[in-house]
Protein backbone atom coordinates (compact mmCIF):
# COMPACT_ATOMS: atom_id res chain seq x y z
CA UNK A 1 4.98 159.13 -17.35
CA UNK A 2 7.88 157.97 -15.74
CA UNK A 3 8.39 153.98 -14.78
CA UNK A 4 12.01 154.47 -12.89
CA UNK A 5 14.50 156.85 -12.50
CA UNK A 6 17.06 154.52 -13.65
CA UNK A 7 17.77 150.87 -15.26
CA UNK A 8 20.20 148.27 -14.05
CA UNK A 9 22.63 146.43 -16.58
CA UNK A 10 21.18 143.23 -15.40
CA UNK A 11 17.83 144.39 -16.75
CA UNK A 12 18.15 144.75 -19.96
CA UNK A 13 20.33 143.22 -23.24
CA UNK A 14 20.98 143.86 -26.64
CA UNK A 15 18.01 143.11 -29.13
CA UNK A 16 19.00 140.64 -31.83
CA UNK A 17 16.05 141.02 -33.99
CA UNK A 18 16.44 144.35 -35.45
CA UNK A 19 15.71 144.90 -39.09
CA UNK A 20 16.24 148.61 -39.77
CA UNK A 21 17.20 151.67 -38.50
CA UNK A 22 20.31 152.55 -36.52
CA UNK A 23 22.20 150.29 -34.12
CA UNK A 24 23.57 153.17 -31.65
CA UNK A 25 22.85 157.23 -31.05
CA UNK A 26 25.33 158.85 -28.76
CA UNK A 27 26.85 155.79 -27.64
CA UNK A 28 23.25 153.88 -26.49
CA UNK A 29 21.96 151.52 -28.30
CA UNK A 30 18.43 152.45 -29.88
CA UNK A 31 16.73 148.99 -28.93
CA UNK A 32 17.14 146.98 -25.85
CA UNK A 33 15.71 143.94 -24.94
CA UNK A 34 13.85 144.10 -21.00
CA UNK A 35 14.16 140.82 -18.71
CA UNK A 36 10.21 141.37 -18.59
CA UNK A 37 9.58 140.44 -22.36
CA UNK A 38 9.42 144.37 -22.91
CA UNK A 39 11.95 146.51 -25.52
CA UNK A 40 13.24 149.84 -24.82
CA UNK A 41 13.19 151.97 -27.60
CA UNK A 42 15.84 155.30 -27.57
CA UNK A 43 13.78 158.48 -27.27
CA UNK A 44 15.01 160.45 -29.93
CA UNK A 45 16.59 163.89 -29.91
CA UNK A 46 14.96 167.35 -30.68
CA UNK A 47 11.60 167.35 -30.47
CA UNK A 48 11.02 163.91 -32.27
CA UNK A 49 11.21 162.19 -28.93
CA UNK A 50 9.05 164.07 -27.02
CA UNK A 51 6.33 163.66 -29.87
CA UNK A 52 6.59 160.41 -30.27
CA UNK A 53 6.31 159.70 -26.63
CA UNK A 54 3.21 162.86 -26.41
CA UNK A 55 1.67 160.23 -29.43
CA UNK A 56 2.12 157.21 -27.27
CA UNK A 57 0.55 158.61 -24.33
CA UNK A 58 -2.27 160.14 -26.25
CA UNK A 59 -3.43 156.62 -27.70
CA UNK A 60 -3.23 154.60 -24.60
CA UNK A 61 -4.09 157.09 -22.07
CA UNK A 62 -6.26 156.31 -19.41
CA UNK A 63 -8.22 159.74 -19.13
CA UNK A 64 -11.43 159.90 -20.01
CA UNK A 65 -13.99 162.33 -19.66
CA UNK A 66 -17.23 160.98 -18.59
CA UNK A 67 -19.42 163.37 -20.34
CA UNK A 68 -17.40 162.65 -23.78
CA UNK A 69 -18.49 159.47 -26.31
CA UNK A 70 -15.30 157.37 -26.32
CA UNK A 71 -12.75 158.00 -29.21
CA UNK A 72 -13.36 154.80 -30.85
CA UNK A 73 -10.52 155.68 -33.72
CA UNK A 74 -8.22 155.98 -30.99
CA UNK A 75 -9.10 153.23 -28.91
CA UNK A 76 -8.93 151.04 -31.92
CA UNK A 77 -5.57 152.00 -32.87
CA UNK A 78 -4.10 150.34 -30.02
CA UNK A 79 -4.36 146.90 -31.79
CA UNK A 80 -2.22 147.73 -34.93
CA UNK A 81 0.66 149.67 -32.78
CA UNK A 82 3.20 148.30 -29.71
CA UNK A 83 1.58 148.58 -26.57
CA UNK A 84 3.06 151.78 -24.57
CA UNK A 85 4.45 151.55 -20.80
CA UNK A 86 5.83 154.57 -20.59
CA UNK A 87 9.78 155.87 -20.51
CA UNK A 88 12.74 154.53 -18.55
CA UNK A 89 15.86 156.22 -18.22
CA UNK A 90 19.36 154.86 -18.10
CA UNK A 91 23.01 155.93 -17.70
CA UNK A 92 26.55 155.09 -19.45
CA UNK A 93 29.76 156.40 -18.63
CA UNK A 94 28.05 159.41 -16.61
CA UNK A 95 25.43 160.35 -19.67
CA UNK A 96 21.76 160.07 -19.30
CA UNK A 97 19.21 158.72 -22.07
CA UNK A 98 15.84 158.08 -22.08
CA UNK A 99 14.14 155.05 -23.43
CA UNK A 100 10.39 154.58 -24.24
CA UNK A 101 9.11 151.07 -22.90
CA UNK A 102 6.79 149.46 -25.24
CA UNK A 103 5.78 145.96 -25.92
CA UNK A 104 8.01 143.72 -27.86
CA UNK A 105 6.27 142.02 -31.18
CA UNK A 106 8.53 139.53 -31.57
CA UNK A 107 8.66 138.07 -28.11
CA UNK A 108 6.37 135.05 -28.37
CA UNK A 109 8.54 133.90 -31.52
CA UNK A 110 10.97 130.83 -31.55
CA UNK A 111 13.00 132.10 -35.00
CA UNK A 112 11.12 135.46 -35.53
CA UNK A 113 11.43 136.73 -39.24
CA UNK A 114 11.01 140.61 -39.60
CA UNK A 115 10.66 142.77 -42.59
CA UNK A 116 10.34 146.85 -41.47
CA UNK A 117 8.27 148.63 -44.70
CA UNK A 118 8.97 152.45 -44.97
CA UNK A 119 4.86 153.21 -45.69
CA UNK A 120 3.53 155.99 -47.66
CA UNK A 121 4.80 158.36 -50.98
CA UNK A 122 6.33 160.59 -48.95
CA UNK A 123 8.51 160.23 -45.85
CA UNK A 124 8.68 163.68 -44.44
CA UNK A 125 5.95 165.65 -42.63
CA UNK A 126 4.61 169.14 -43.62
CA UNK A 127 7.13 170.65 -41.06
CA UNK A 128 10.28 170.14 -43.10
CA UNK A 129 12.21 172.27 -44.82
CA UNK A 130 12.76 172.02 -48.50
CA UNK A 131 16.62 170.44 -47.60
CA UNK A 132 14.91 167.49 -45.58
CA UNK A 133 12.53 166.92 -48.54
CA UNK A 134 15.35 166.49 -50.68
CA UNK A 135 17.36 164.04 -48.66
CA UNK A 136 13.83 162.17 -48.39
CA UNK A 137 13.10 161.97 -51.59
CA UNK A 138 16.91 161.15 -52.60
CA UNK A 139 17.05 157.89 -50.29
CA UNK A 140 14.13 156.40 -52.74
CA UNK A 141 12.98 158.26 -55.54
CA UNK A 142 10.92 155.29 -56.43
CA UNK A 143 8.47 155.99 -53.15
CA UNK A 144 6.28 158.13 -54.76
CA UNK A 145 5.39 155.64 -57.00
CA UNK A 146 5.56 152.32 -54.99
CA UNK A 147 3.90 153.66 -51.88
CA UNK A 148 6.56 151.90 -49.70
CA UNK A 149 10.26 150.41 -49.38
CA UNK A 150 11.55 147.80 -47.75
CA UNK A 151 14.04 148.64 -45.05
CA UNK A 152 15.23 145.96 -44.03
CA UNK A 153 14.37 142.16 -43.62
CA UNK A 154 15.84 139.37 -41.01
CA UNK A 155 14.74 136.03 -42.16
CA UNK A 156 15.41 132.82 -40.54
CA UNK A 157 17.20 130.28 -42.84
CA UNK A 158 16.32 126.72 -42.42
CA UNK A 159 18.90 125.02 -44.29
CA UNK A 160 21.48 127.15 -42.77
CA UNK A 161 20.20 127.44 -39.55
CA UNK A 162 21.01 131.35 -39.05
CA UNK A 163 19.32 134.64 -40.34
CA UNK A 164 19.67 135.89 -44.01
CA UNK A 165 19.90 139.56 -43.21
CA UNK A 166 18.93 142.52 -46.05
CA UNK A 167 19.88 145.67 -45.38
CA UNK A 168 18.47 149.07 -46.45
CA UNK A 169 20.30 149.10 -49.65
CA UNK A 170 18.59 145.89 -50.36
CA UNK A 171 15.45 147.43 -50.64
CA UNK A 172 16.64 150.81 -52.13
CA UNK A 173 17.99 148.33 -55.14
CA UNK A 174 14.41 147.50 -56.01
CA UNK A 175 11.97 148.97 -58.74
CA UNK A 176 8.79 148.46 -59.87
CA UNK A 177 10.05 145.27 -61.62
CA UNK A 178 11.91 143.63 -58.89
CA UNK A 179 9.94 144.74 -55.62
CA UNK A 180 7.66 142.00 -56.00
CA UNK A 181 10.59 139.20 -56.05
CA UNK A 182 11.94 141.79 -53.13
CA UNK A 183 8.72 141.52 -51.06
CA UNK A 184 8.76 137.42 -51.75
CA UNK A 185 11.84 136.75 -50.39
CA UNK A 186 10.50 137.79 -46.96
CA UNK A 187 8.59 134.77 -46.68
CA UNK A 188 9.62 131.02 -46.96
CA UNK A 189 10.45 128.95 -49.80
CA UNK A 190 7.82 126.23 -48.75
CA UNK A 191 4.86 126.62 -50.78
CA UNK A 192 1.83 125.78 -48.25
CA UNK A 193 3.54 127.70 -45.46
CA UNK A 194 4.36 130.87 -47.65
CA UNK A 195 0.56 131.09 -49.02
CA UNK A 196 -0.63 130.49 -44.66
CA UNK A 197 1.56 133.35 -44.22
CA UNK A 198 0.71 135.69 -47.18
CA UNK A 199 -3.02 134.74 -46.51
CA UNK A 200 -2.69 136.10 -42.92
CA UNK A 201 -0.48 139.20 -43.86
CA UNK A 202 -3.10 139.91 -46.15
CA UNK A 203 -6.10 139.46 -43.70
CA UNK A 204 -4.17 141.73 -41.28
CA UNK A 205 -3.16 144.74 -43.82
CA UNK A 206 -6.89 144.83 -44.74
CA UNK A 207 -8.20 145.27 -41.18
CA UNK A 208 -5.16 148.05 -40.99
CA UNK A 209 -6.63 149.69 -44.24
CA UNK A 210 -10.58 149.55 -42.59
CA UNK A 211 -9.32 151.79 -40.33
CA UNK A 212 -7.41 154.28 -42.14
CA UNK A 213 -9.88 154.56 -44.54
CA UNK A 214 -12.90 154.97 -42.10
CA UNK A 215 -10.91 157.44 -39.61
CA UNK A 216 -9.91 160.91 -40.15
CA UNK A 217 -8.11 162.30 -36.91
CA UNK A 218 -4.89 160.79 -37.61
CA UNK A 219 -2.04 161.56 -40.26
CA UNK A 220 1.66 159.81 -40.53
CA UNK A 221 4.29 160.64 -42.23
CA UNK A 222 8.07 158.40 -42.18
CA UNK A 223 5.59 155.47 -39.93
CA UNK A 224 6.96 151.81 -40.77
CA UNK A 225 4.99 148.25 -40.80
CA UNK A 226 6.28 145.51 -39.12
CA UNK A 227 5.20 142.31 -39.99
CA UNK A 228 6.63 138.75 -38.25
CA UNK A 229 6.43 135.53 -38.35
CA UNK A 230 8.05 132.03 -36.86
CA UNK A 231 10.76 130.90 -38.93
CA UNK A 232 10.16 127.62 -37.13
CA UNK A 233 8.23 125.65 -39.44
CA UNK A 234 6.63 123.50 -36.65
CA UNK A 235 5.35 127.00 -35.30
CA UNK A 236 1.64 127.39 -34.76
CA UNK A 237 1.92 130.98 -33.55
CA UNK A 238 0.20 133.57 -35.37
CA UNK A 239 1.50 136.14 -37.94
CA UNK A 240 1.89 139.61 -35.85
CA UNK A 241 0.91 143.15 -38.43
CA UNK A 242 2.28 146.51 -36.57
CA UNK A 243 2.90 149.79 -37.36
CA UNK A 244 5.92 151.97 -35.57
CA UNK A 245 7.70 154.93 -36.00
CA UNK A 246 5.73 158.08 -34.54
CA UNK A 247 7.86 160.71 -34.47
CA UNK A 248 6.07 162.70 -37.70
CA UNK A 249 2.30 161.73 -36.65
CA UNK A 250 0.01 164.59 -35.82
CA UNK A 251 -3.47 164.89 -35.54
CA UNK A 252 -5.42 166.01 -38.57
CA UNK A 253 -6.58 169.10 -37.23
CA UNK A 254 -2.84 169.84 -36.88
CA UNK A 255 -1.99 168.98 -40.08
CA UNK A 256 -4.39 171.25 -42.01
CA UNK A 257 -3.97 174.25 -39.67
CA UNK A 258 -0.07 173.98 -40.70
CA UNK A 259 -1.17 173.71 -44.48
CA UNK A 260 -4.08 176.39 -44.18
CA UNK A 261 -6.24 173.89 -45.06
CA UNK A 262 -10.57 174.16 -44.10
CA UNK A 263 -11.00 170.40 -44.98
CA UNK A 264 -10.74 168.57 -42.04
CA UNK A 265 -12.50 165.70 -43.06
CA UNK A 266 -9.39 164.61 -45.23
CA UNK A 267 -8.35 160.67 -44.97
CA UNK A 268 -4.64 160.24 -45.27
CA UNK A 269 -4.11 159.59 -48.16
CA UNK A 270 0.03 159.12 -48.08
CA UNK A 271 -0.53 156.08 -45.92
CA UNK A 272 -3.24 154.53 -47.91
CA UNK A 273 -1.41 154.60 -50.79
CA UNK A 274 1.49 152.61 -49.45
CA UNK A 275 -0.70 150.31 -47.62
CA UNK A 276 -2.73 149.73 -51.16
CA UNK A 277 0.20 149.48 -52.87
CA UNK A 278 1.80 146.64 -50.00
CA UNK A 279 -1.49 145.04 -50.81
CA UNK A 280 -1.32 144.63 -54.43
CA UNK A 281 1.66 143.52 -54.32
CA UNK A 282 0.62 140.13 -51.64
CA UNK A 283 -2.30 139.43 -53.87
CA UNK A 284 -0.28 139.21 -56.95
CA UNK A 285 2.08 136.65 -54.82
CA UNK A 286 -0.82 134.55 -53.94
CA UNK A 287 -1.83 134.98 -57.48
CA UNK A 288 1.58 133.53 -58.33
CA UNK A 289 1.73 130.85 -55.87
CA UNK A 290 -1.83 129.59 -56.83
CA UNK A 291 -1.02 129.86 -60.72
């Protein structure tokens, strides 16, 4: 779906709350904020961009065969990912670049605090070459045990009135003895406020876990989890938790065919492991606050 042939420079601005990932690709910003409150995410090169657009289009397709039972698994997934509005094009110095237009989950917050977590024991898919697998593992060898890594955080500091920034190297230095403290730094110091945010994170994460435990249609590799809350202590806006990055999300039947596995009733254990690990960390943080 193409929304428009070309964007004007007055239609967008730089996105200020990107917590992880590249800022530019081939001279184009990877994330841009639209004036209508949506977000533009760059269409990645090769098959990755086409695959992510195909994924979003599948999830948010309005087409429904009246003779088929509605796909409740796919429909329910919509609440856990940004809404998709199609693709738009942009030109820069004679070059054209496609972007996906999705909802911006930070838009309702005054001071968006964002953590980007790469979820799963494995961050490469079944099509990855041996070289790609080695590169993925080398980024964070402990991913297999911990089940996730912190790719970046932006946390509003009410003392300095500015954002504290934690980059990917912060997350890659964390191990089993420090990951608890690393995640804790995303939340504010004030005890009651911190407890409320952790409780809400646990609740939303458990809802996502329930979807994963009940579904057999989709399998994800190298997807991320975004958690966002308002750094303004007077805000009543509810915390958000969404999955993003779907260049390596496949229908299970495709994965089973690739690995020549006849059992088509398997859970996405890779993602479930990571979500369970994060849930355990959050519950331990809550327990530490209580005690």
